[in-house]
Protein backbone atom coordinates (compact mmCIF):
# COMPACT_ATOMS: atom_id res chain seq x y z
CA ASN A 1 0.06 0.04 -0.03
CA ASP A 2 2.94 2.40 0.79
CA SER A 3 4.43 1.65 -2.66
CA LEU A 4 1.18 2.42 -4.36
CA ASN A 5 0.70 5.64 -2.31
CA ALA A 6 4.31 6.70 -3.43
CA THR A 7 3.78 5.76 -7.01
CA LEU A 8 0.56 7.88 -6.94
CA THR A 9 2.43 10.81 -5.70
CA ARG A 10 5.15 10.60 -8.26
CA THR A 11 2.47 10.12 -11.11
CA ILE A 12 0.61 13.36 -10.08
CA ASN A 13 3.81 15.42 -9.78
CA THR A 14 5.16 14.25 -13.02
CA GLY A 15 1.78 14.75 -14.82
CA VAL A 16 1.42 18.24 -13.34
CA SER A 17 5.12 19.34 -14.24
CA THR A 18 4.75 18.07 -17.71
CA ILE A 19 1.34 19.90 -18.29
CA VAL A 20 2.94 23.10 -16.90
CA VAL A 21 5.57 22.90 -19.53
CA ILE A 22 3.29 21.85 -22.29
CA LEU A 23 0.89 24.80 -21.42
CA CYS A 24 3.83 27.23 -21.55
CA ILE A 25 4.77 26.04 -25.06
CA LEU A 26 1.11 25.85 -26.02
CA PHE A 27 0.50 29.66 -25.16
CA PHE A 28 4.03 31.11 -26.21
CA GLY A 29 4.77 28.64 -29.12
CA SER A 30 4.14 29.13 -32.89
CA ASP A 31 1.14 27.73 -34.76
CA THR A 32 2.96 24.63 -35.64
CA THR A 33 3.95 23.57 -32.00
CA ARG A 34 0.62 24.68 -30.69
CA SER A 35 -1.31 21.89 -32.45
CA PHE A 36 1.39 19.46 -31.45
CA MET A 37 1.34 20.51 -27.92
CA PHE A 38 -2.43 20.33 -27.81
CA ALA A 39 -2.25 16.70 -28.78
CA MET A 40 0.48 16.16 -26.38
CA LEU A 41 -1.58 17.68 -23.60
CA ILE A 42 -4.48 15.42 -24.34
CA GLY A 43 -2.15 12.34 -24.19
CA ILE A 44 -0.52 13.56 -20.95
CA VAL A 45 -3.77 14.11 -19.31
CA ILE A 46 -5.37 10.96 -20.30
CA GLY A 47 -2.23 8.82 -19.55
CA THR A 48 -2.11 10.35 -15.92
CA ILE A 49 -5.81 9.57 -15.37
CA THR A 50 -5.39 6.03 -16.64
CA SER A 51 -2.29 5.48 -14.35
CA ILE A 52 -4.26 6.77 -11.30
CA PHE A 53 -7.70 5.32 -11.76
CA ILE A 54 -6.92 2.01 -13.75
CA ALA A 55 -3.38 0.83 -13.33
CA SER A 56 -3.14 1.44 -9.48
CA PRO A 57 -6.21 -0.59 -8.61
CA VAL A 58 -5.22 -3.39 -10.96
CA ALA A 59 -1.74 -3.44 -9.50
CA TYR A 60 -3.24 -3.58 -5.93
CA ARG A 61 -5.69 -6.39 -6.85
CA ILE A 62 -2.81 -8.35 -8.45
CA MET A 63 -0.41 -7.90 -5.28
CA SER A 64 -3.23 -8.76 -2.97
CA LYS A 65 -4.09 -11.90 -4.92
CA GLN A 66 -0.33 -13.00 -4.83
CA HIS A 67 -0.16 -12.29 -1.11
CA GLN A 68 -3.27 -14.31 -0.56
CA ASP A 69 -1.90 -17.19 -2.57
CA THR A 70 1.36 -17.12 -0.79
CA LYS A 71 -0.42 -17.24 2.70
CA GLU A 72 -2.60 -20.05 1.57
CA GLY A 73 0.31 -22.16 0.24
CA SER A 74 2.23 -21.80 3.33
CA GLY A 75 -0.43 -23.32 5.43
CA LYS A 76 -0.91 -26.59 3.72
CA SER A 77 0.69 -29.69 5.00
CA LYS A 78 3.40 -31.07 2.68
CA GLY A 79 3.42 -34.64 4.17
CA LYS A 80 0.37 -35.78 2.34
């Protein structure tokens, strides 16, 4: 759980800092770079949202399932 919280914080920080740079280029850049930066902005926003709301819960479920399987496997007797 601590690892997912650290990853979540890192994802948000990376997304926000990238969006700030893209917005600066979007406002101060030429017409050619504006269209490209708009596409980049959409990609960064969607990628960040996906990382937060889809990838984190999937990773948590996989890790909890592996932990549960490990717990169940250690409790079984090996002598049968």
